[in-house]
Amino acid sequence: MKAERQWWWVVTGISIGIGYCTYGIVYSYGVFFGAIQAEFHTSAVVTGWVQSLCLACSQLFSILGQMLVRRFGFFCVITTATISYAICLLLSSVVPSVSYLYLTYGIGVGITVAISTKPALQLVLEWVPIQSRMRATGLATIGSTIGLLTLSPLIETVLTHVGWRWTFRICSGFVFIVALIAATLLYVTLTKTQDTTTDSKQTDSKDGEAASEVSQREVLYFPEMWIFATMLVIVSCAQGFTMINLVDFATKSGFTLEQGALVLSVNGGAEVVGKIILALFLDKLPFPKILIWPNACIVSSVICVLILYVNSFKALLIVSTVLGLMKAVFNSTGMGVAAELFGHRYRPSTSTIASAPCGLGFLFAALVGGYSYDLTGSYESALYACSGMFFICCILSLSTLIWQKMCAVERFQYTNTKQTRRDETKDCYAKLNIIEDKTLPSQNATQI
């Protein structure tokens, strides 16, 4: 266990690097949006659905990544998925129509993102000390936002000079190089810690699988779980506008593509800052972490209306910054909030609870902005719809906590958060003591 804790920073760095190149390119799809739409002469819905399908698969297939890890291990799954991601990008650069993009980018890239990033995050959560769970989650997910911050202006520059097809090919080569570096570091890390952690890992995995089978079934009967999942579906659908249509909205509002890419980059930069702040201070907050969500939803709801009255580029940058800060709350605290909401016993289920609903929300995200522009010629109705969805999510987030506090007191985890963490830590150390006690008789027999 000590060996793991000495290396968990390296594992976190690997997760950041993989998220940087995979999600960084995916989140920059808005830069490709106009070029793809112009070449294939497609509507906003058809072009945006490519990104919606990709984002949906990146969440829905996270369960598949966990299953593959149990069968083949972290190194094999993460390395193979990241290289496959590069191959899917390369195939996307030679498609003759947008229909093939649904297969190579929407499904191919989406699935490989899920199978590469989710196991990497799972590896971080397994190795990180319990008292730093929220901090580790925030740091491990920050790579995707840094990718959006730095890659979107670079992609816009390359796309302007060589077109979107060659830009995909260059991105494919970049991801392949990152995959080789991550595979080398991951192999060295797992090799150095294998001898000291094999026995405890095998015991923990057996206990975890048994607990997961019970938790996955039992948690489905919790009403607050369905309220929380519904909230995630709606908030993901509302977030989809910034990931799919924000750049197109800027260009349709009279700004240049370069300015639209800068707006997207600023949005990513604000999200980075928000994730860093959350990683540093979220674990220290003395109230339930889900209470951050209604505040973020209200602010996002107001911003979606205010953006319609923005006339200057500086004001658009300010609005994009605020949206980025709110995205940091939605994208980095979901899994941690779910783990805190349902407790240590149901931790194997929290990844599914936090990922699958987001996938469903992203699947329908293109409809919000796409149909709005195709039917009316503007994104005004889409932004009003997003504002309403954020307001509904504010009500649902509060309802989740109120239901658990009033109707499921035995699952309410927030009366003494520090004590809960101390209890979880004691459980882990007790498990380690049991493992050591089991190995003592064999050692004594060898000495005799």
Protein backbone atom coordinates (compact mmCIF):
# COMPACT_ATOMS: atom_id res chain seq x y z
CA MET A 1 0.00 0.00 0.00
CA LYS A 2 2.86 2.42 0.72
CA ALA A 3 4.26 1.70 -2.74
CA GLU A 4 0.92 2.62 -4.27
CA ARG A 5 0.72 5.92 -2.42
CA GLN A 6 4.23 6.84 -3.53
CA TRP A 7 3.23 6.30 -7.16
CA TRP A 8 -0.32 7.65 -7.25
CA TRP A 9 0.92 11.04 -8.42
CA VAL A 10 2.47 9.33 -11.46
CA VAL A 11 -0.79 7.52 -12.17
CA THR A 12 -2.65 10.83 -11.84
CA GLY A 13 -0.24 12.39 -14.33
CA ILE A 14 -0.90 9.56 -16.81
CA SER A 15 -4.65 10.13 -16.45
CA ILE A 16 -4.17 13.86 -17.06
CA GLY A 17 -2.10 13.20 -20.19
CA ILE A 18 -4.60 10.77 -21.68
CA GLY A 19 -7.50 13.11 -20.94
CA TYR A 20 -5.54 16.01 -22.43
CA CYS A 21 -5.15 14.47 -25.88
CA THR A 22 -8.42 12.51 -26.09
CA TYR A 23 -11.04 14.80 -24.58
CA GLY A 24 -9.05 17.88 -25.59
CA ILE A 25 -9.61 17.05 -29.26
CA VAL A 26 -13.20 15.91 -28.73
CA TYR A 27 -14.14 19.11 -26.89
CA SER A 28 -12.64 21.13 -29.77
CA TYR A 29 -15.15 19.70 -32.26
CA GLY A 30 -16.83 23.09 -32.40
CA VAL A 31 -13.81 24.34 -34.38
CA PHE A 32 -14.39 21.59 -36.99
CA PHE A 33 -18.16 22.19 -37.03
CA GLY A 34 -18.29 24.87 -39.71
CA ALA A 35 -15.77 23.22 -42.04
CA ILE A 36 -17.51 19.83 -41.93
CA GLN A 37 -20.93 21.43 -42.42
CA ALA A 38 -19.68 23.45 -45.40
CA GLU A 39 -18.03 20.49 -47.16
CA PHE A 40 -20.89 18.03 -46.78
CA HIS A 41 -23.71 20.64 -47.00
CA THR A 42 -25.46 19.27 -43.91
CA SER A 43 -27.80 20.89 -41.39
CA ALA A 44 -26.77 21.95 -37.90
CA VAL A 45 -28.58 18.95 -36.38
CA VAL A 46 -26.85 16.41 -38.63
CA THR A 47 -23.41 17.95 -38.10
CA GLY A 48 -23.87 18.38 -34.36
CA TRP A 49 -25.17 14.86 -33.87
CA VAL A 50 -21.68 13.54 -34.68
CA GLN A 51 -20.39 15.22 -31.53
CA SER A 52 -23.46 14.27 -29.49
CA LEU A 53 -23.01 10.61 -30.39
CA CYS A 54 -19.31 10.80 -29.51
CA LEU A 55 -19.98 12.40 -26.12
CA ALA A 56 -22.76 9.90 -25.39
CA CYS A 57 -20.56 6.91 -26.19
CA SER A 58 -17.74 8.37 -24.10
CA GLN A 59 -19.99 8.09 -21.04
CA LEU A 60 -22.23 5.10 -21.80
CA PHE A 61 -19.34 2.75 -22.62
CA SER A 62 -17.46 3.51 -19.41
CA ILE A 63 -19.07 0.34 -18.01
CA LEU A 64 -17.41 -1.64 -20.80
CA GLY A 65 -14.06 -0.20 -19.80
CA GLN A 66 -14.49 -1.43 -16.24
CA MET A 67 -15.41 -4.91 -17.47
CA LEU A 68 -12.36 -5.07 -19.74
CA VAL A 69 -10.07 -3.97 -16.89
CA ARG A 70 -11.24 -6.92 -14.78
CA ARG A 71 -10.44 -9.27 -17.67
CA PHE A 72 -7.24 -7.85 -19.18
CA GLY A 73 -5.84 -5.36 -16.65
CA PHE A 74 -5.26 -1.60 -16.68
CA PHE A 75 -2.14 -1.54 -18.87
CA CYS A 76 -3.60 -3.54 -21.75
CA VAL A 77 -6.96 -1.73 -21.78
CA ILE A 78 -5.69 1.84 -21.47
CA THR A 79 -2.88 1.41 -24.01
CA THR A 80 -5.00 -0.40 -26.61
CA ALA A 81 -7.89 2.05 -26.31
CA THR A 82 -5.66 5.13 -26.69
CA ILE A 83 -3.97 3.74 -29.81
CA SER A 84 -7.39 2.78 -31.20
CA TYR A 85 -8.49 6.37 -30.63
CA ALA A 86 -5.66 7.57 -32.88
CA ILE A 87 -6.69 5.06 -35.55
CA CYS A 88 -10.32 6.24 -35.44
CA LEU A 89 -9.21 9.85 -35.90
CA LEU A 90 -7.14 8.79 -38.91
CA LEU A 91 -10.11 6.96 -40.43
CA SER A 92 -12.31 10.01 -39.82
CA SER A 93 -10.00 12.08 -42.03
CA VAL A 94 -10.80 10.03 -45.15
CA VAL A 95 -14.59 9.67 -44.89
CA PRO A 96 -16.54 10.49 -48.11
CA SER A 97 -19.69 11.67 -46.31
CA VAL A 98 -20.90 12.72 -42.89
CA SER A 99 -22.67 9.36 -42.49
CA TYR A 100 -19.30 7.63 -42.10
CA LEU A 101 -18.31 10.17 -39.45
CA TYR A 102 -21.06 8.74 -37.27
CA LEU A 103 -19.21 5.43 -37.36
CA THR A 104 -15.56 6.50 -37.22
CA TYR A 105 -15.86 9.59 -35.01
CA GLY A 106 -19.21 9.41 -33.26
CA ILE A 107 -19.00 5.73 -32.28
CA GLY A 108 -15.31 4.87 -32.76
CA VAL A 109 -13.77 7.89 -31.07
CA GLY A 110 -16.51 7.94 -28.40
CA ILE A 111 -16.00 4.31 -27.36
CA THR A 112 -12.20 4.55 -27.32
CA VAL A 113 -12.39 7.73 -25.21
CA ALA A 114 -14.52 5.88 -22.66
CA ILE A 115 -12.28 2.81 -22.55
CA SER A 116 -9.08 4.86 -22.23
CA THR A 117 -10.06 7.65 -19.81
CA LYS A 118 -12.48 5.92 -17.43
CA PRO A 119 -10.11 3.07 -16.46
CA ALA A 120 -7.35 5.65 -16.01
CA LEU A 121 -9.60 7.57 -13.62
CA GLN A 122 -10.58 4.33 -11.89
CA LEU A 123 -6.89 3.52 -11.38
CA VAL A 124 -6.37 6.90 -9.72
CA LEU A 125 -9.34 6.39 -7.40
CA GLU A 126 -8.06 2.95 -6.39
CA TRP A 127 -4.61 4.22 -5.48
CA VAL A 128 -5.40 7.61 -3.98
CA PRO A 129 -5.75 7.93 -0.19
CA ILE A 130 -9.39 8.11 0.86
CA GLN A 131 -9.13 11.53 2.47
CA SER A 132 -8.01 13.00 -0.89
CA ARG A 133 -10.76 11.47 -3.03
CA MET A 134 -12.31 14.75 -4.21
CA ARG A 135 -8.90 16.30 -4.86
CA ALA A 136 -7.77 13.30 -6.90
CA THR A 137 -10.96 13.33 -8.97
CA GLY A 138 -10.52 17.01 -9.78
CA LEU A 139 -6.87 16.62 -10.74
CA ALA A 140 -7.47 13.51 -12.84
CA THR A 141 -10.17 15.25 -14.90
CA ILE A 142 -8.28 18.49 -15.39
CA GLY A 143 -6.34 17.17 -18.40
CA SER A 144 -9.40 17.28 -20.66
CA THR A 145 -9.98 20.94 -19.86
CA ILE A 146 -6.34 21.89 -20.35
CA GLY A 147 -6.61 20.16 -23.70
CA LEU A 148 -9.59 22.32 -24.64
CA LEU A 149 -7.73 25.44 -23.47
CA THR A 150 -4.55 24.81 -25.46
CA LEU A 151 -5.60 22.61 -28.38
CA SER A 152 -8.61 24.55 -29.70
CA PRO A 153 -6.56 27.60 -30.87
CA LEU A 154 -3.88 25.31 -32.29
CA ILE A 155 -6.49 23.25 -34.12
CA GLU A 156 -8.07 26.43 -35.50
CA THR A 157 -4.69 27.59 -36.83
CA VAL A 158 -3.86 24.25 -38.43
CA LEU A 159 -7.37 23.90 -39.86
CA THR A 160 -7.14 27.32 -41.49
CA HIS A 161 -3.95 26.33 -43.33
CA VAL A 162 -4.44 22.63 -44.20
CA GLY A 163 -8.17 21.90 -43.79
CA TRP A 164 -10.05 19.72 -41.36
CA ARG A 165 -8.96 16.38 -42.88
CA TRP A 166 -5.23 16.97 -42.44
CA THR A 167 -5.93 18.44 -39.01
CA PHE A 168 -7.51 15.12 -38.01
CA ARG A 169 -4.42 13.29 -39.30
CA ILE A 170 -2.05 15.52 -37.34
CA CYS A 171 -4.15 15.04 -34.20
CA SER A 172 -4.03 11.28 -34.79
CA GLY A 173 -0.23 11.29 -34.83
CA PHE A 174 -0.13 13.43 -31.69
CA VAL A 175 -2.41 11.03 -29.81
CA PHE A 176 -0.29 8.06 -30.92
CA ILE A 177 2.86 9.65 -29.47
CA VAL A 178 1.09 10.42 -26.18
CA ALA A 179 -0.19 6.83 -26.07
CA LEU A 180 3.35 5.46 -26.33
CA ILE A 181 4.61 7.76 -23.56
CA ALA A 182 1.66 6.90 -21.29
CA ALA A 183 2.11 3.17 -21.96
CA THR A 184 5.79 3.36 -20.97
CA LEU A 185 5.12 5.23 -17.73
CA LEU A 186 2.19 2.98 -16.86
CA TYR A 187 4.21 -0.17 -17.47
CA VAL A 188 7.07 1.05 -15.27
CA THR A 189 4.66 2.11 -12.51
CA LEU A 190 2.69 -1.13 -12.45
CA THR A 191 5.88 -3.23 -12.63
CA LYS A 192 7.51 -1.48 -9.67
CA THR A 193 4.42 -1.82 -7.47
CA GLN A 194 3.32 -5.29 -8.58
CA ASP A 195 5.27 -7.31 -6.00
CA THR A 196 4.14 -5.25 -3.02
CA THR A 197 0.46 -4.97 -3.92
CA THR A 198 -0.54 -8.20 -5.70
CA ASP A 199 -1.96 -9.99 -2.66
CA SER A 200 -3.95 -7.03 -1.38
CA LYS A 201 -5.20 -6.22 -4.89
CA GLN A 202 -6.50 -9.75 -5.43
CA THR A 203 -8.31 -9.75 -2.12
CA ASP A 204 -9.71 -6.26 -2.67
CA SER A 205 -10.87 -7.11 -6.20
CA LYS A 206 -12.77 -10.16 -5.00
CA ASP A 207 -14.43 -8.17 -2.23
CA GLY A 208 -15.11 -5.33 -4.66
CA GLU A 209 -16.74 -7.57 -7.24
CA ALA A 210 -18.99 -9.12 -4.62
CA ALA A 211 -19.89 -5.71 -3.23
CA SER A 212 -20.51 -4.41 -6.74
CA GLU A 213 -22.99 -7.15 -7.53
CA VAL A 214 -25.00 -6.28 -4.43
CA SER A 215 -24.67 -2.51 -4.78
CA GLN A 216 -25.58 -2.32 -8.46
CA ARG A 217 -28.90 -4.04 -7.78
CA GLU A 218 -29.74 -2.42 -4.46
CA VAL A 219 -29.00 1.16 -5.51
CA LEU A 220 -31.61 0.92 -8.29
CA TYR A 221 -34.34 0.98 -5.62
CA PHE A 222 -33.22 4.34 -4.20
CA PRO A 223 -35.58 7.15 -5.32
CA GLU A 224 -32.88 9.76 -4.76
CA MET A 225 -30.64 7.88 -7.21
CA TRP A 226 -33.23 8.33 -9.97
CA ILE A 227 -33.64 12.01 -9.09
CA PHE A 228 -29.87 12.47 -9.21
CA ALA A 229 -29.59 10.56 -12.51
CA THR A 230 -32.38 12.63 -14.09
CA MET A 231 -30.55 15.78 -13.06
CA LEU A 232 -27.36 14.52 -14.73
CA VAL A 233 -29.23 13.76 -17.98
CA ILE A 234 -30.73 17.26 -18.15
CA VAL A 235 -27.58 19.15 -17.14
CA SER A 236 -25.52 17.21 -19.71
CA CYS A 237 -28.04 18.04 -22.42
CA ALA A 238 -27.83 21.73 -21.48
CA GLN A 239 -24.03 21.64 -21.36
CA GLY A 240 -23.93 20.23 -24.86
CA PHE A 241 -24.53 23.68 -26.33
CA THR A 242 -21.12 24.95 -25.18
CA MET A 243 -19.40 21.79 -26.45
CA ILE A 244 -21.13 21.69 -29.87
CA ASN A 245 -22.59 25.06 -30.86
CA LEU A 246 -20.67 27.74 -28.94
CA VAL A 247 -18.18 28.47 -31.73
CA ASP A 248 -20.92 28.42 -34.38
CA PHE A 249 -23.01 30.74 -32.21
CA ALA A 250 -20.09 33.19 -32.05
CA THR A 251 -19.55 33.15 -35.81
CA LYS A 252 -23.28 33.52 -36.51
CA SER A 253 -23.30 36.51 -34.14
CA GLY A 254 -20.82 38.38 -36.33
CA PHE A 255 -17.49 37.27 -34.86
CA THR A 256 -14.70 35.54 -36.80
CA LEU A 257 -13.77 31.85 -36.53
CA GLU A 258 -10.54 32.85 -34.79
CA GLN A 259 -12.53 34.77 -32.18
CA GLY A 260 -14.93 31.82 -31.81
CA ALA A 261 -12.00 29.49 -31.16
CA LEU A 262 -10.66 31.96 -28.60
CA VAL A 263 -14.05 32.00 -26.86
CA LEU A 264 -13.93 28.21 -26.65
CA SER A 265 -10.35 28.36 -25.37
CA VAL A 266 -11.26 30.89 -22.68
CA ASN A 267 -14.16 28.66 -21.69
CA GLY A 268 -11.70 25.81 -21.23
CA GLY A 269 -9.26 28.02 -19.31
CA ALA A 270 -11.96 29.07 -16.88
CA GLU A 271 -12.89 25.42 -16.40
CA VAL A 272 -9.25 24.62 -15.58
CA VAL A 273 -9.18 27.33 -12.94
CA GLY A 274 -12.48 26.09 -11.51
CA LYS A 275 -11.26 22.51 -11.31
CA ILE A 276 -8.06 23.57 -9.57
CA ILE A 277 -10.03 25.56 -6.98
CA LEU A 278 -12.40 22.64 -6.42
CA ALA A 279 -9.51 20.18 -6.13
CA LEU A 280 -7.85 22.33 -3.46
CA PHE A 281 -10.85 23.27 -1.33
CA LEU A 282 -13.78 20.95 -2.06
CA ASP A 283 -12.74 18.35 0.51
CA LYS A 284 -12.63 21.05 3.19
CA LEU A 285 -16.17 22.34 2.75
CA PRO A 286 -18.30 21.69 5.87
CA PHE A 287 -21.58 21.04 4.01
CA PRO A 288 -22.85 18.43 1.51
CA LYS A 289 -21.00 18.82 -1.78
CA ILE A 290 -24.20 18.45 -3.82
CA LEU A 291 -25.24 21.89 -2.55
CA ILE A 292 -22.71 23.40 -4.97
CA TRP A 293 -24.84 22.17 -7.87
CA PRO A 294 -27.99 24.31 -7.37
CA ASN A 295 -25.85 27.44 -7.16
CA ALA A 296 -23.99 26.52 -10.34
CA CYS A 297 -27.29 25.72 -12.09
CA ILE A 298 -28.81 29.09 -11.19
CA VAL A 299 -25.76 30.98 -12.43
CA SER A 300 -25.71 28.95 -15.67
CA SER A 301 -29.42 29.57 -16.18
CA VAL A 302 -28.94 33.34 -15.91
CA ILE A 303 -25.87 33.33 -18.19
CA CYS A 304 -27.74 31.46 -20.94
CA VAL A 305 -30.17 34.37 -21.12
CA LEU A 306 -27.56 37.13 -20.80
CA ILE A 307 -25.47 35.74 -23.67
CA LEU A 308 -28.30 36.67 -26.06
CA TYR A 309 -27.75 40.37 -25.29
CA VAL A 310 -23.96 40.32 -25.73
CA ASN A 311 -22.78 42.68 -28.47
CA SER A 312 -19.05 43.04 -27.81
CA PHE A 313 -16.29 40.45 -27.95
CA LYS A 314 -15.05 41.29 -24.45
CA ALA A 315 -18.51 40.71 -23.00
CA LEU A 316 -18.68 37.36 -24.82
CA LEU A 317 -15.34 36.37 -23.28
CA ILE A 318 -16.64 37.25 -19.80
CA VAL A 319 -19.80 35.19 -20.32
CA SER A 320 -17.72 32.28 -21.64
CA THR A 321 -15.49 32.50 -18.55
CA VAL A 322 -18.45 32.22 -16.19
CA LEU A 323 -19.84 29.27 -18.15
CA GLY A 324 -16.43 27.59 -17.92
CA LEU A 325 -16.35 27.98 -14.14
CA MET A 326 -19.79 26.40 -13.89
CA LYS A 327 -18.73 23.56 -16.20
CA ALA A 328 -15.93 22.80 -13.75
CA VAL A 329 -18.56 22.03 -11.11
CA PHE A 330 -20.59 19.78 -13.39
CA ASN A 331 -17.66 17.90 -14.96
CA SER A 332 -15.36 17.36 -11.98
CA THR A 333 -17.64 16.78 -8.99
CA GLY A 334 -20.24 14.35 -10.37
CA MET A 335 -18.46 11.14 -9.40
CA GLY A 336 -17.30 12.54 -6.05
CA VAL A 337 -20.80 13.79 -5.20
CA ALA A 338 -22.28 10.41 -6.11
CA ALA A 339 -19.72 8.64 -3.90
CA GLU A 340 -20.53 10.95 -1.00
CA LEU A 341 -24.26 10.79 -1.66
CA PHE A 342 -24.55 7.00 -1.51
CA GLY A 343 -21.67 6.26 0.85
CA HIS A 344 -18.70 3.90 0.98
CA ARG A 345 -20.77 0.74 0.64
CA TYR A 346 -22.13 1.70 -2.78
CA ARG A 347 -18.88 3.13 -4.15
CA PRO A 348 -18.61 0.48 -6.93
CA SER A 349 -21.89 1.85 -8.33
CA THR A 350 -21.00 5.53 -8.30
CA SER A 351 -19.02 5.46 -11.54
CA THR A 352 -22.00 4.06 -13.42
CA ILE A 353 -24.42 6.46 -11.74
CA ALA A 354 -22.25 9.46 -12.65
CA SER A 355 -21.42 8.40 -16.23
CA ALA A 356 -24.39 6.66 -17.87
CA PRO A 357 -26.94 9.50 -17.37
CA CYS A 358 -24.45 12.02 -18.76
CA GLY A 359 -24.16 9.88 -21.88
CA LEU A 360 -27.91 9.99 -22.42
CA GLY A 361 -27.94 13.75 -21.97
CA PHE A 362 -25.14 14.30 -24.49
CA LEU A 363 -26.94 12.04 -26.98
CA PHE A 364 -29.81 14.55 -27.23
CA ALA A 365 -27.70 17.69 -26.85
CA ALA A 366 -27.42 18.30 -30.60
CA LEU A 367 -31.20 18.54 -30.88
CA VAL A 368 -31.32 21.61 -28.62
CA GLY A 369 -29.03 23.82 -30.67
CA GLY A 370 -29.46 22.10 -34.03
CA TYR A 371 -33.22 22.27 -34.36
CA SER A 372 -33.21 25.79 -32.98
CA TYR A 373 -30.93 27.05 -35.74
CA ASP A 374 -32.41 24.91 -38.54
CA LEU A 375 -35.98 26.03 -37.80
CA THR A 376 -35.49 29.66 -36.79
CA GLY A 377 -32.08 30.65 -38.15
CA SER A 378 -30.77 31.55 -34.68
CA TYR A 379 -29.81 29.95 -31.37
CA GLU A 380 -32.15 32.12 -29.28
CA SER A 381 -34.72 29.40 -28.52
CA ALA A 382 -31.90 26.93 -27.74
CA LEU A 383 -30.41 29.24 -25.12
CA TYR A 384 -33.81 29.81 -23.51
CA ALA A 385 -34.28 26.02 -23.42
CA CYS A 386 -30.84 25.58 -21.81
CA SER A 387 -31.73 28.23 -19.23
CA GLY A 388 -34.90 26.35 -18.33
CA MET A 389 -33.06 23.02 -18.10
CA PHE A 390 -30.47 24.46 -15.72
CA PHE A 391 -33.29 25.80 -13.52
CA ILE A 392 -34.94 22.36 -13.44
CA CYS A 393 -31.59 20.83 -12.45
CA CYS A 394 -31.38 23.28 -9.55
CA ILE A 395 -34.69 21.95 -8.22
CA LEU A 396 -33.69 18.32 -8.78
CA SER A 397 -30.34 18.69 -6.99
CA LEU A 398 -32.06 20.10 -3.93
CA SER A 399 -34.76 17.42 -4.14
CA THR A 400 -32.10 14.69 -4.07
CA LEU A 401 -30.68 15.92 -0.79
CA ILE A 402 -34.09 16.68 0.76
CA TRP A 403 -35.44 13.22 -0.08
CA GLN A 404 -32.43 11.48 1.43
CA LYS A 405 -32.54 13.66 4.55
CA MET A 406 -36.27 13.17 5.17
CA CYS A 407 -37.09 9.72 3.74
CA ALA A 408 -33.78 7.81 3.80
CA VAL A 409 -32.05 8.90 6.96
CA GLU A 410 -29.97 5.70 7.09
CA ARG A 411 -28.26 6.74 3.83
CA PHE A 412 -27.76 10.38 4.78
CA GLN A 413 -23.95 10.82 4.95
CA TYR A 414 -23.52 14.47 5.83
CA THR A 415 -24.17 14.80 9.57
CA ASN A 416 -20.50 14.16 10.25
CA THR A 417 -18.46 14.03 7.05
CA LYS A 418 -15.08 13.90 8.79
CA GLN A 419 -16.22 11.03 10.98
CA THR A 420 -17.47 9.17 7.90
CA ARG A 421 -14.05 9.48 6.28
CA ARG A 422 -12.34 8.32 9.46
CA ASP A 423 -14.61 5.27 9.51
CA GLU A 424 -13.79 4.51 5.88
CA THR A 425 -10.08 4.79 6.62
CA LYS A 426 -10.41 2.45 9.60
CA ASP A 427 -12.23 -0.09 7.40
CA CYS A 428 -9.38 -0.05 4.88
CA TYR A 429 -6.71 -0.47 7.54
CA ALA A 430 -8.73 -3.27 9.15
CA LYS A 431 -8.82 -5.06 5.80
CA LEU A 432 -5.04 -4.71 5.48
CA ASN A 433 -4.55 -6.14 8.99
CA ILE A 434 -6.69 -9.14 8.08
CA ILE A 435 -4.55 -9.74 5.00
CA GLU A 436 -1.36 -9.54 7.08
CA ASP A 437 -2.76 -11.92 9.69
CA LYS A 438 -3.55 -14.47 7.00
CA THR A 439 0.05 -14.42 5.79
CA LEU A 440 1.61 -14.85 9.28
CA PRO A 441 0.96 -18.62 9.75
CA SER A 442 2.66 -19.50 6.48
CA GLN A 443 5.66 -17.33 7.39
CA ASN A 444 5.95 -18.94 10.84
CA ALA A 445 5.74 -22.41 9.34
CA THR A 446 8.57 -21.57 6.96
CA GLN A 447 10.75 -20.40 9.83
CA ILE A 448 10.09 -23.61 11.86
